[in-house]
Amino acid sequence: MTRPSTRLDARLPWIGLGAAFVLVALAMLVPAVTGWNVHVNHFPPLHADWGPRVGPGTLPALVIAALASWRALAVAEQASWRALLLWSFLAALAWMLALALVDGLDGIQKILDTQYEYLGTARALHNFGDALPGWVGKITHNVAVYWPTHVGGHPPGATLFFWVLVRLGLGSGLSAGLVVTVVAATTPLAVLVTMRILGAERHARLAAPFLVFGPAAVWSAVSADAVFGAFAAWGMVALALAATSRRWTPRVLWSVVAGLLLGYLVMMSYGLPLMGLLAVVVLVLARSWWPLPIAVLTAVAVVLGFAAYGFYYWDALPALRIRYFQAVAGRRPPSYWMWANLAALALSAGPLMAAGVAVLLRRARGLLRDRSTRVVAALSLSGVAMVVIADLSQMSRAEVERIWLPFAPWLLLCCALLPVRWRKWGLVGQLATALVVQHLLKTGW
């Protein structure tokens, strides 16, 4: 006789997937049926408009999706580790480019060239250091000249990234877009390396296809937030290496690298100090607090380095809150976005993520017995916690399909906990979601 708990465990993925579909359907239908203006583009919960189309990237995207559905899971389990890392990077890059090229070259260059993005400001600033003393004063709308939306909504490290690209001759929308895409394509590789360092190669292989293929790629090729996610992921690699190194020199060097990457991450997005939670979990899993003081001091040095040139992070935070609610976010009803944000996440990370989270939350205690499952469970739970905190903060109202890109890879690790049948057909669903979103909606990012 089948025990009730066993039957429930078998149904968990269905429960999670069903909840995701219901949430997405409600997030679409409620504004459409009631006429509720939730102050986003015309296809809530996504910042998108209806726009069915095909383009140059359609055929390559379909071919990649077919090949991934056929062989991705087998390659991930059977390839050598180095081959898996190489294929993960190349496949992620090809998938993102194919989806972006559905709109031709505009799919790569158009968004970054808009007035809201960083490139225009980066091109106009000749000496970046000269802009830092007055940076905070231009965040709010209370002055005659204020920063564009994304520049004012982020610390100066984000704009500095694009300023460097301009100085390197990569300041066109197309060049910068290609750089963003290449950097974003390294994120799956970094997450896989972190897992292997922490002793979870088995689950890293199971998770690899879901890190590479999925709807998050729609936004990753055109969003600076994907760059932030890559900085975070490589910061975790460095931290894991520092925590597991047995010799003093590598420990110190990797701790410094982790501090530089994570400290600069703080200077790229006000919301990503949340990654500190993930960093603590990495150290717990590695069973070493040794890198913590060096990494923290290095990260603080990065923040103080910006302060030395006139940008004070602690003064920017209250100004940011004023700017956020002066703009459209102040008109976006929290009674909708507190839950519709999660619907947007289900579309951008992919609905299979919800099936994995259901299994994770139900079986979290049992997953702690084996090291590999313990690692994937702890990292995934960190992703869940970061999303919950970001949602409750009220500083994420809409557009989270882009803003929460740095959290998505860690959330998607829970797909490795699903049964093989679910992973096989779930990957097809993830690919199909990406194709549908890209070909039916103009996402605006």
Protein backbone atom coordinates (compact mmCIF):
# COMPACT_ATOMS: atom_id res chain seq x y z
CA MET A 1 0.00 0.00 0.00
CA THR A 2 1.37 3.43 -0.98
CA ARG A 3 1.93 5.74 1.97
CA PRO A 4 0.22 9.20 1.80
CA SER A 5 3.57 10.98 2.15
CA THR A 6 4.94 9.00 -0.81
CA ARG A 7 1.95 9.92 -2.95
CA LEU A 8 2.38 13.56 -1.94
CA ASP A 9 6.07 13.49 -2.87
CA ALA A 10 5.15 12.15 -6.33
CA ARG A 11 2.68 14.99 -6.78
CA LEU A 12 4.96 17.76 -5.56
CA PRO A 13 6.33 18.74 -8.99
CA TRP A 14 2.77 18.90 -10.35
CA ILE A 15 1.72 21.07 -7.42
CA GLY A 16 4.60 23.48 -8.00
CA LEU A 17 4.09 23.61 -11.75
CA GLY A 18 0.35 24.06 -11.36
CA ALA A 19 0.84 26.87 -8.87
CA ALA A 20 3.17 28.63 -11.32
CA PHE A 21 0.66 28.39 -14.17
CA VAL A 22 -2.19 29.62 -11.97
CA LEU A 23 -0.10 32.54 -10.73
CA VAL A 24 0.92 33.53 -14.25
CA ALA A 25 -2.66 33.23 -15.52
CA LEU A 26 -3.99 35.40 -12.69
CA ALA A 27 -1.25 37.99 -13.21
CA MET A 28 -2.31 38.25 -16.87
CA LEU A 29 -6.06 38.04 -16.41
CA VAL A 30 -6.69 40.25 -13.37
CA PRO A 31 -5.55 43.53 -15.01
CA ALA A 32 -7.13 42.54 -18.36
CA VAL A 33 -10.54 41.65 -16.89
CA THR A 34 -10.79 44.36 -14.23
CA GLY A 35 -9.07 47.16 -16.15
CA TRP A 36 -6.70 47.59 -13.21
CA ASN A 37 -3.79 49.82 -14.32
CA VAL A 38 -0.70 48.26 -12.81
CA HIS A 39 1.56 50.73 -14.63
CA VAL A 40 3.73 48.49 -16.73
CA ASN A 41 3.75 47.84 -20.46
CA HIS A 42 0.72 46.22 -22.04
CA PHE A 43 1.37 42.58 -21.12
CA PRO A 44 1.66 42.35 -17.34
CA PRO A 45 3.24 40.81 -15.35
CA LEU A 46 6.08 41.26 -17.86
CA HIS A 47 7.38 44.62 -18.97
CA ALA A 48 6.33 43.74 -22.50
CA ASP A 49 3.96 44.38 -25.39
CA TRP A 50 2.17 41.93 -27.65
CA GLY A 51 4.18 41.56 -30.86
CA PRO A 52 4.12 38.22 -32.71
CA ARG A 53 6.98 37.91 -35.20
CA VAL A 54 9.69 35.73 -36.67
CA GLY A 55 13.15 36.82 -37.69
CA PRO A 56 16.71 35.80 -38.58
CA GLY A 57 17.21 34.09 -35.23
CA THR A 58 14.05 31.99 -35.40
CA LEU A 59 15.47 29.02 -37.30
CA PRO A 60 18.73 28.86 -35.29
CA ALA A 61 16.73 29.08 -32.05
CA LEU A 62 14.46 26.22 -33.14
CA VAL A 63 17.46 24.10 -34.13
CA ILE A 64 19.21 24.75 -30.81
CA ALA A 65 16.01 23.96 -28.91
CA ALA A 66 15.59 20.68 -30.81
CA LEU A 67 19.22 19.64 -30.21
CA ALA A 68 19.01 20.59 -26.54
CA SER A 69 15.79 18.61 -26.07
CA TRP A 70 17.44 15.60 -27.70
CA ARG A 71 20.94 15.55 -26.21
CA ALA A 72 21.51 18.17 -23.50
CA LEU A 73 20.75 15.95 -20.51
CA ALA A 74 22.89 13.09 -21.85
CA VAL A 75 25.84 15.36 -22.70
CA ALA A 76 25.70 16.96 -19.26
CA GLU A 77 25.97 13.57 -17.56
CA GLN A 78 28.47 11.88 -19.91
CA ALA A 79 30.92 14.58 -21.04
CA SER A 80 34.20 15.18 -19.30
CA TRP A 81 34.09 18.06 -16.83
CA ARG A 82 36.14 20.41 -19.01
CA ALA A 83 34.04 19.57 -22.04
CA LEU A 84 30.88 20.24 -20.05
CA LEU A 85 32.12 23.68 -19.02
CA LEU A 86 33.08 24.54 -22.60
CA TRP A 87 29.79 23.32 -24.00
CA SER A 88 27.86 25.16 -21.29
CA PHE A 89 29.45 28.46 -22.26
CA LEU A 90 29.13 27.96 -26.01
CA ALA A 91 25.56 26.67 -25.80
CA ALA A 92 24.48 29.53 -23.52
CA LEU A 93 26.06 32.05 -25.88
CA ALA A 94 24.46 30.50 -28.96
CA TRP A 95 21.04 30.27 -27.28
CA MET A 96 21.07 33.90 -26.15
CA LEU A 97 22.26 35.19 -29.51
CA ALA A 98 19.70 33.13 -31.45
CA LEU A 99 16.84 34.45 -29.33
CA ALA A 100 18.07 38.04 -29.56
CA LEU A 101 18.50 37.79 -33.34
CA VAL A 102 14.81 37.04 -33.78
CA ASP A 103 14.74 40.86 -33.93
CA GLY A 104 17.85 41.03 -36.08
CA LEU A 105 20.78 43.08 -34.83
CA ASP A 106 18.30 45.35 -33.06
CA GLY A 107 17.74 42.48 -30.65
CA ILE A 108 21.29 43.02 -29.39
CA GLN A 109 21.88 46.73 -29.83
CA LYS A 110 18.58 48.59 -29.61
CA ILE A 111 17.86 48.38 -25.87
CA LEU A 112 21.31 49.45 -24.70
CA ASP A 113 21.09 52.48 -26.98
CA THR A 114 17.86 53.80 -25.45
CA GLN A 115 17.77 56.98 -23.38
CA TYR A 116 17.09 55.01 -20.18
CA GLU A 117 20.27 52.93 -20.30
CA TYR A 118 23.90 53.46 -19.37
CA LEU A 119 25.62 53.88 -22.71
CA GLY A 120 24.49 57.44 -23.42
CA THR A 121 25.84 58.64 -20.08
CA ALA A 122 29.02 56.57 -20.47
CA ARG A 123 29.72 58.21 -23.83
CA ALA A 124 29.13 61.70 -22.43
CA LEU A 125 31.43 61.34 -19.41
CA HIS A 126 35.02 62.16 -20.39
CA ASN A 127 36.51 61.85 -16.90
CA PHE A 128 34.46 59.43 -14.87
CA GLY A 129 35.98 60.46 -11.55
CA ASP A 130 34.76 64.03 -12.03
CA ALA A 131 31.14 62.81 -12.02
CA LEU A 132 31.32 60.99 -8.68
CA PRO A 133 31.15 63.99 -6.25
CA GLY A 134 27.83 65.09 -7.74
CA TRP A 135 26.42 61.63 -8.36
CA VAL A 136 24.04 61.46 -5.39
CA GLY A 137 22.70 64.93 -6.11
CA LYS A 138 21.48 63.79 -9.55
CA ILE A 139 19.65 60.68 -8.36
CA THR A 140 16.30 62.26 -7.45
CA HIS A 141 13.99 64.26 -9.72
CA ASN A 142 14.29 67.28 -7.43
CA VAL A 143 16.99 68.91 -9.58
CA ALA A 144 16.95 70.36 -13.07
CA VAL A 145 19.38 67.79 -14.45
CA TYR A 146 19.15 64.24 -13.14
CA TRP A 147 20.50 60.88 -14.23
CA PRO A 148 18.61 58.69 -16.73
CA THR A 149 16.50 55.89 -15.24
CA HIS A 150 19.05 53.10 -15.03
CA VAL A 151 22.00 55.33 -14.23
CA GLY A 152 20.14 57.00 -11.36
CA GLY A 153 18.75 53.68 -10.15
CA HIS A 154 22.16 52.03 -9.74
CA PRO A 155 25.47 52.85 -8.07
CA PRO A 156 28.13 54.26 -10.42
CA GLY A 157 29.89 50.91 -10.86
CA ALA A 158 27.26 49.88 -13.42
CA THR A 159 27.86 52.96 -15.56
CA LEU A 160 31.62 52.61 -15.07
CA PHE A 161 31.46 49.17 -16.68
CA PHE A 162 30.02 50.70 -19.85
CA TRP A 163 32.33 53.75 -19.62
CA VAL A 164 35.28 51.35 -19.81
CA LEU A 165 33.71 49.67 -22.85
CA VAL A 166 33.40 53.06 -24.54
CA ARG A 167 37.07 53.82 -23.83
CA LEU A 168 38.00 50.41 -25.28
CA GLY A 169 36.18 51.22 -28.51
CA LEU A 170 33.23 48.97 -27.64
CA GLY A 171 30.75 51.77 -27.01
CA SER A 172 28.26 51.11 -29.81
CA GLY A 173 25.00 49.41 -28.93
CA LEU A 174 26.02 46.34 -30.92
CA SER A 175 29.51 46.05 -29.43
CA ALA A 176 28.33 46.60 -25.87
CA GLY A 177 25.44 44.19 -26.41
CA LEU A 178 27.82 41.47 -27.58
CA VAL A 179 30.04 42.04 -24.54
CA VAL A 180 27.04 41.81 -22.22
CA THR A 181 25.96 38.57 -23.91
CA VAL A 182 29.41 36.99 -23.70
CA VAL A 183 29.77 37.92 -20.02
CA ALA A 184 26.28 36.61 -19.27
CA ALA A 185 27.10 33.31 -20.99
CA THR A 186 29.83 32.66 -18.41
CA THR A 187 27.33 32.59 -15.52
CA PRO A 188 26.28 28.92 -15.94
CA LEU A 189 29.94 27.95 -16.07
CA ALA A 190 30.65 29.84 -12.81
CA VAL A 191 27.70 28.26 -11.01
CA LEU A 192 28.78 24.79 -12.12
CA VAL A 193 32.36 25.39 -10.96
CA THR A 194 31.13 26.60 -7.56
CA MET A 195 29.07 23.46 -7.12
CA ARG A 196 31.95 21.19 -8.04
CA ILE A 197 34.32 22.95 -5.63
CA LEU A 198 31.75 22.41 -2.89
CA GLY A 199 31.49 18.69 -3.69
CA ALA A 200 28.31 18.62 -5.77
CA GLU A 201 29.51 17.70 -9.27
CA ARG A 202 26.79 15.06 -9.59
CA HIS A 203 24.02 17.60 -9.15
CA ALA A 204 25.91 20.23 -11.10
CA ARG A 205 25.71 17.95 -14.13
CA LEU A 206 21.98 17.43 -13.58
CA ALA A 207 21.40 21.17 -13.28
CA ALA A 208 23.61 22.24 -16.21
CA PRO A 209 20.97 22.10 -18.99
CA PHE A 210 18.61 24.26 -16.95
CA LEU A 211 21.29 26.85 -16.27
CA VAL A 212 22.06 27.08 -19.99
CA PHE A 213 18.68 26.75 -21.70
CA GLY A 214 15.61 28.60 -20.60
CA PRO A 215 13.65 31.83 -20.90
CA ALA A 216 16.09 33.87 -18.78
CA ALA A 217 18.20 34.03 -21.95
CA VAL A 218 15.58 36.34 -23.49
CA TRP A 219 16.59 39.08 -21.07
CA SER A 220 20.23 38.15 -20.46
CA ALA A 221 21.46 39.18 -23.90
CA VAL A 222 20.32 42.77 -23.51
CA SER A 223 20.46 43.53 -19.80
CA ALA A 224 23.22 44.83 -17.58
CA ASP A 225 21.62 42.83 -14.78
CA ALA A 226 22.96 39.70 -16.48
CA VAL A 227 26.45 41.20 -16.11
CA PHE A 228 25.76 41.76 -12.43
CA GLY A 229 24.75 38.11 -12.18
CA ALA A 230 28.03 37.03 -13.75
CA PHE A 231 30.05 39.14 -11.30
CA ALA A 232 28.11 37.53 -8.44
CA ALA A 233 28.62 34.01 -9.76
CA TRP A 234 32.36 34.43 -10.27
CA GLY A 235 32.61 36.02 -6.84
CA MET A 236 31.16 32.80 -5.42
CA VAL A 237 33.72 30.75 -7.36
CA ALA A 238 36.55 32.78 -5.83
CA LEU A 239 35.02 32.52 -2.35
CA ALA A 240 34.61 28.75 -2.67
CA LEU A 241 38.21 28.39 -3.86
CA ALA A 242 39.44 30.49 -0.94
CA ALA A 243 37.42 28.44 1.55
CA THR A 244 38.61 25.08 0.25
CA SER A 245 42.27 25.89 -0.47
CA ARG A 246 44.74 24.22 1.86
CA ARG A 247 47.66 26.58 1.25
CA TRP A 248 47.93 30.11 2.61
CA THR A 249 48.82 31.92 -0.60
CA PRO A 250 45.83 30.69 -2.65
CA ARG A 251 43.56 31.29 0.32
CA VAL A 252 44.58 34.92 0.59
CA LEU A 253 44.62 35.58 -3.14
CA TRP A 254 41.20 34.02 -3.77
CA SER A 255 39.77 35.84 -0.74
CA VAL A 256 40.97 39.13 -2.20
CA VAL A 257 39.52 38.27 -5.63
CA ALA A 258 36.19 37.37 -4.01
CA GLY A 259 36.18 40.67 -2.13
CA LEU A 260 36.96 42.65 -5.27
CA LEU A 261 34.21 40.98 -7.31
CA LEU A 262 31.56 41.10 -4.60
CA GLY A 263 32.56 44.58 -3.50
CA TYR A 264 32.25 45.82 -7.06
CA LEU A 265 28.93 43.99 -7.31
CA VAL A 266 27.63 46.17 -4.47
CA MET A 267 28.69 49.20 -6.53
CA MET A 268 26.71 47.94 -9.54
CA SER A 269 23.29 47.35 -7.97
CA TYR A 270 21.74 48.53 -4.73
CA GLY A 271 19.76 45.30 -4.46
CA LEU A 272 22.66 42.88 -4.67
CA PRO A 273 24.10 43.11 -1.17
CA LEU A 274 21.52 40.32 -0.83
CA MET A 275 24.17 38.12 -2.43
CA GLY A 276 25.90 38.28 0.94
CA LEU A 277 23.41 35.66 2.09
CA LEU A 278 24.57 33.31 -0.66
CA ALA A 279 28.20 34.05 0.20
CA VAL A 280 27.61 33.01 3.82
CA VAL A 281 25.97 29.78 2.65
CA VAL A 282 28.99 29.03 0.42
CA LEU A 283 31.29 29.41 3.43
CA VAL A 284 29.04 27.21 5.58
CA LEU A 285 29.06 24.50 2.91
CA ALA A 286 32.83 24.76 2.62
CA ARG A 287 33.10 24.60 6.43
CA SER A 288 35.51 27.50 6.57
CA TRP A 289 35.15 31.09 7.76
CA TRP A 290 38.78 31.81 7.02
CA PRO A 291 38.18 33.91 3.85
CA LEU A 292 35.49 36.07 5.47
CA PRO A 293 37.58 38.86 7.07
CA ILE A 294 39.84 39.29 4.03
CA ALA A 295 36.93 39.24 1.57
CA VAL A 296 34.87 41.67 3.67
CA LEU A 297 37.78 44.09 4.13
CA THR A 298 38.53 43.98 0.41
CA ALA A 299 34.87 44.57 -0.48
CA VAL A 300 34.70 47.50 1.94
CA ALA A 301 37.87 48.89 0.36
CA VAL A 302 36.12 48.88 -3.02
CA VAL A 303 33.18 50.84 -1.60
CA LEU A 304 35.53 53.26 0.16
CA GLY A 305 37.49 53.65 -3.06
CA PHE A 306 34.40 55.14 -4.69
CA ALA A 307 33.90 57.29 -1.56
CA ALA A 308 37.43 58.61 -1.92
CA TYR A 309 36.40 60.04 -5.30
CA GLY A 310 33.19 61.54 -3.92
CA PHE A 311 30.45 58.89 -4.13
CA TYR A 312 29.10 57.94 -0.71
CA TYR A 313 27.04 54.77 -0.90
CA TRP A 314 25.29 55.45 2.42
CA ASP A 315 24.05 58.84 1.14
CA ALA A 316 22.79 57.30 -2.10
CA LEU A 317 20.40 54.82 -0.46
CA PRO A 318 17.83 57.36 0.85
CA ALA A 319 18.08 59.31 -2.42
CA LEU A 320 17.43 56.09 -4.33
CA ARG A 321 14.27 55.41 -2.37
CA ILE A 322 12.98 58.90 -3.15
CA ARG A 323 13.80 58.45 -6.86
CA TYR A 324 12.17 55.04 -6.96
CA PHE A 325 8.82 56.27 -5.70
CA GLN A 326 9.01 59.53 -7.68
CA ALA A 327 9.09 57.45 -10.85
CA VAL A 328 6.54 54.95 -12.18
CA ALA A 329 7.21 52.46 -9.39
CA GLY A 330 5.42 54.78 -6.98
CA ARG A 331 2.24 54.24 -9.00
CA ARG A 332 2.58 50.47 -9.25
CA PRO A 333 0.18 48.93 -6.71
CA PRO A 334 1.94 46.67 -4.19
CA SER A 335 -1.29 44.68 -3.80
CA TYR A 336 -0.66 43.40 -7.34
CA TRP A 337 3.11 43.34 -7.60
CA MET A 338 3.79 41.52 -4.34
CA TRP A 339 2.52 38.35 -6.02
CA ALA A 340 2.73 39.28 -9.71
CA ASN A 341 6.50 39.65 -9.31
CA LEU A 342 6.59 35.92 -8.63
CA ALA A 343 4.56 35.29 -11.78
CA ALA A 344 7.10 37.29 -13.78
CA LEU A 345 9.87 35.22 -12.20
CA ALA A 346 8.05 32.02 -13.18
CA LEU A 347 8.12 33.20 -16.79
CA SER A 348 11.72 34.42 -16.81
CA ALA A 349 13.34 31.60 -14.83
CA GLY A 350 10.88 29.17 -16.39
CA PRO A 351 7.90 27.31 -14.89
CA LEU A 352 9.97 24.20 -14.10
CA MET A 353 11.69 26.25 -11.41
CA ALA A 354 8.42 26.19 -9.45
CA ALA A 355 8.27 22.39 -9.66
CA GLY A 356 11.81 22.20 -8.29
CA VAL A 357 11.09 24.67 -5.50
CA ALA A 358 8.05 22.61 -4.42
CA VAL A 359 10.25 19.53 -4.07
CA LEU A 360 12.95 21.55 -2.35
CA LEU A 361 10.67 23.08 0.28
CA ARG A 362 8.87 19.82 1.04
CA ARG A 363 11.98 17.66 1.28
CA ALA A 364 14.55 20.17 2.54
CA ARG A 365 15.34 18.27 5.75
CA GLY A 366 15.79 14.94 3.97
CA LEU A 367 18.02 16.52 1.34
CA LEU A 368 20.60 17.44 3.96
CA ARG A 369 21.81 13.85 4.44
CA ASP A 370 23.97 13.58 1.32
CA ARG A 371 26.70 16.16 0.58
CA SER A 372 25.85 16.73 -3.07
CA THR A 373 22.14 17.15 -2.39
CA ARG A 374 22.95 19.26 0.66
CA VAL A 375 24.90 21.69 -1.51
CA VAL A 376 22.24 22.03 -4.18
CA ALA A 377 19.49 22.37 -1.54
CA ALA A 378 21.34 25.04 0.43
CA LEU A 379 22.23 27.10 -2.65
CA SER A 380 18.68 26.85 -4.00
CA LEU A 381 17.18 27.82 -0.66
CA SER A 382 19.47 30.84 -0.67
CA GLY A 383 18.00 31.80 -4.04
CA VAL A 384 14.49 31.46 -2.64
CA ALA A 385 15.39 33.58 0.39
CA MET A 386 16.94 36.34 -1.73
CA VAL A 387 13.84 36.54 -3.92
CA VAL A 388 11.50 36.65 -0.92
CA ILE A 389 13.51 39.44 0.74
CA ALA A 390 13.71 41.42 -2.51
CA ASP A 391 9.96 41.07 -2.99
CA LEU A 392 9.11 42.10 0.56
CA SER A 393 11.44 45.09 0.37
CA GLN A 394 8.92 46.93 -1.85
CA MET A 395 11.87 48.05 -3.98
CA SER A 396 11.03 45.48 -6.67
CA ARG A 397 7.76 46.36 -8.32
CA ALA A 398 7.65 44.91 -11.84
CA GLU A 399 10.54 44.34 -14.27
CA VAL A 400 11.87 41.58 -12.04
CA GLU A 401 12.31 39.37 -15.11
CA ARG A 402 15.39 41.55 -15.58
CA ILE A 403 16.18 42.75 -12.05
CA TRP A 404 16.20 39.24 -10.54
CA LEU A 405 18.42 37.69 -13.21
CA PRO A 406 21.32 37.35 -10.70
CA PHE A 407 19.09 35.18 -8.47
CA ALA A 408 17.72 32.95 -11.23
CA PRO A 409 20.68 30.52 -11.69
CA TRP A 410 20.75 29.66 -7.99
CA LEU A 411 17.00 29.10 -7.98
CA LEU A 412 17.24 26.85 -11.03
CA LEU A 413 19.64 24.48 -9.27
CA CYS A 414 16.61 22.88 -7.62
CA CYS A 415 15.67 21.42 -11.03
CA ALA A 416 18.46 18.91 -10.37
CA LEU A 417 16.29 17.45 -7.59
CA LEU A 418 13.48 16.50 -9.96
CA PRO A 419 12.98 12.92 -11.23
CA VAL A 420 14.55 12.13 -14.59
CA ARG A 421 11.22 12.16 -16.42
CA TRP A 422 10.49 15.61 -15.09
CA ARG A 423 13.91 16.87 -16.10
CA LYS A 424 13.56 15.48 -19.62
CA TRP A 425 10.16 16.98 -20.38
CA GLY A 426 10.78 19.97 -18.14
CA LEU A 427 13.71 21.04 -20.28
CA VAL A 428 11.44 20.93 -23.33
CA GLY A 429 9.00 23.15 -21.44
CA GLN A 430 11.74 25.61 -20.51
CA LEU A 431 12.89 25.87 -24.12
CA ALA A 432 9.32 26.23 -25.37
CA THR A 433 8.64 29.02 -22.85
CA ALA A 434 11.67 30.95 -24.13
CA LEU A 435 10.61 30.53 -27.76
CA VAL A 436 7.03 31.59 -27.06
CA VAL A 437 8.03 34.65 -25.03
CA GLN A 438 10.60 35.81 -27.59
CA HIS A 439 8.34 35.31 -30.62
CA LEU A 440 5.09 36.64 -29.18
CA LEU A 441 6.19 39.46 -26.90
CA LYS A 442 8.37 42.53 -27.30
CA THR A 443 9.96 42.47 -23.90
CA GLY A 444 11.64 45.87 -23.94
CA TRP A 445 14.88 44.59 -22.40
